[in-house]
Amino acid sequence: MSDDLQTRLKNNVRRLREDRLLTKAELARKAGVSTLTIDRVEAGHPCRIDTKRKIILALGMTIADKDQVFVRDDDKDDNADITEAAGVAVGRTSGKGD
């Protein structure tokens, strides 16, 4: 198997987008990313954690639903990082002067 195929990530972005009758352009606009980014994510290319968070929220889902959108990879726990990034994005802190 080629390295390119091994780096492809499984996700349900296309199915969820189509279930909501959204075009790639509409999802991209809601998520604040480019249509090309949506196209690449749907094709299984890796993306930044912040991009995953934006797509999840643009689909009308919560961060808790992340495993329904992006299939968990046992070797790398990016989904835990999404939850952490979401906490930072909404201003949650530990209250310990971090």
Protein backbone atom coordinates (compact mmCIF):
# COMPACT_ATOMS: atom_id res chain seq x y z
CA MET A 1 0.00 0.00 0.00
CA SER A 2 1.38 3.43 -0.87
CA ASP A 3 2.19 6.02 1.79
CA ASP A 4 -0.50 8.31 0.34
CA LEU A 5 -3.22 5.72 0.90
CA GLN A 6 -1.97 4.97 4.40
CA THR A 7 -2.25 8.65 5.40
CA ARG A 8 -5.87 8.88 4.24
CA LEU A 9 -8.24 9.30 7.17
CA LYS A 10 -11.69 7.79 7.38
CA ASN A 11 -14.50 10.23 8.03
CA ASN A 12 -18.22 10.67 7.47
CA VAL A 13 -18.14 14.33 6.42
CA ARG A 14 -19.58 13.74 2.94
CA ARG A 15 -22.41 11.51 4.18
CA LEU A 16 -23.32 13.92 6.97
CA ARG A 17 -23.15 16.92 4.61
CA GLU A 18 -25.38 15.22 2.05
CA ASP A 19 -27.82 14.07 4.77
CA ARG A 20 -28.23 17.76 5.62
CA LEU A 21 -28.65 18.66 1.92
CA LEU A 22 -25.62 20.96 2.03
CA THR A 23 -23.26 21.61 -0.85
CA LYS A 24 -19.53 21.66 -0.27
CA ALA A 25 -19.62 25.43 -0.68
CA GLU A 26 -22.38 25.81 1.93
CA LEU A 27 -20.54 23.65 4.46
CA ALA A 28 -17.30 25.50 3.76
CA ARG A 29 -19.01 28.86 4.32
CA LYS A 30 -20.59 27.68 7.59
CA ALA A 31 -17.27 26.25 8.79
CA GLY A 32 -15.20 29.24 7.71
CA VAL A 33 -12.91 27.15 5.52
CA SER A 34 -12.41 26.87 1.77
CA THR A 35 -14.37 24.56 -0.50
CA LEU A 36 -11.04 22.97 -1.40
CA THR A 37 -10.50 22.13 2.27
CA ILE A 38 -13.89 20.38 2.44
CA ASP A 39 -13.04 18.50 -0.75
CA ARG A 40 -9.71 17.35 0.68
CA VAL A 41 -11.22 16.32 4.02
CA GLU A 42 -13.95 14.32 2.29
CA ALA A 43 -11.25 12.62 0.20
CA GLY A 44 -9.58 11.51 3.43
CA HIS A 45 -6.63 13.88 3.50
CA PRO A 46 -5.42 14.96 6.95
CA CYS A 47 -6.40 18.36 8.28
CA ARG A 48 -5.72 20.49 11.32
CA ILE A 49 -7.59 19.84 14.55
CA ASP A 50 -9.11 23.33 14.37
CA THR A 51 -10.50 22.50 10.91
CA LYS A 52 -12.08 19.30 12.25
CA ARG A 53 -13.68 21.28 15.07
CA LYS A 54 -15.08 23.86 12.63
CA ILE A 55 -16.54 21.16 10.38
CA ILE A 56 -18.15 19.32 13.30
CA LEU A 57 -19.81 22.51 14.53
CA ALA A 58 -20.84 23.58 11.00
CA LEU A 59 -22.63 20.24 10.60
CA GLY A 60 -24.74 21.20 13.61
CA MET A 61 -23.09 18.64 15.83
CA THR A 62 -21.28 18.97 19.12
CA ILE A 63 -17.70 18.16 19.95
CA ALA A 64 -19.02 15.12 21.82
CA ASP A 65 -20.18 13.80 18.41
CA LYS A 66 -16.64 13.93 16.99
CA ASP A 67 -16.34 10.15 16.64
CA GLN A 68 -19.44 10.13 14.41
CA VAL A 69 -17.74 12.56 12.03
CA PHE A 70 -14.07 11.56 12.16
CA VAL A 71 -13.40 7.87 12.68
CA ARG A 72 -11.05 7.34 15.58
CA ASP A 73 -7.54 6.22 14.68
CA ASP A 74 -6.19 3.97 17.43
CA ASP A 75 -2.57 4.93 16.71
CA LYS A 76 -3.13 8.65 17.12
CA ASP A 77 -5.71 10.34 19.33
CA ASP A 78 -6.46 13.52 17.35
CA ASN A 79 -10.06 13.36 18.54
CA ALA A 80 -8.98 14.03 22.13
CA ASP A 81 -7.11 17.05 20.80
CA ILE A 82 -10.33 18.28 19.13
CA THR A 83 -12.11 18.25 22.47
CA GLU A 84 -9.22 20.10 24.07
CA ALA A 85 -9.14 22.66 21.23
CA ALA A 86 -12.88 23.20 21.60
CA GLY A 87 -12.43 23.95 25.30
CA VAL A 88 -9.80 26.54 24.44
CA ALA A 89 -11.95 27.97 21.65
CA VAL A 90 -14.90 28.63 23.96
CA GLY A 91 -12.67 30.06 26.66
CA ARG A 92 -12.81 27.25 29.18
CA THR A 93 -9.89 27.26 31.55
CA SER A 94 -8.96 25.26 34.58
CA GLY A 95 -9.16 28.35 36.77
CA LYS A 96 -5.59 27.79 37.95
CA GLY A 97 -4.11 30.81 36.21
CA ASP A 98 -3.23 28.96 33.04
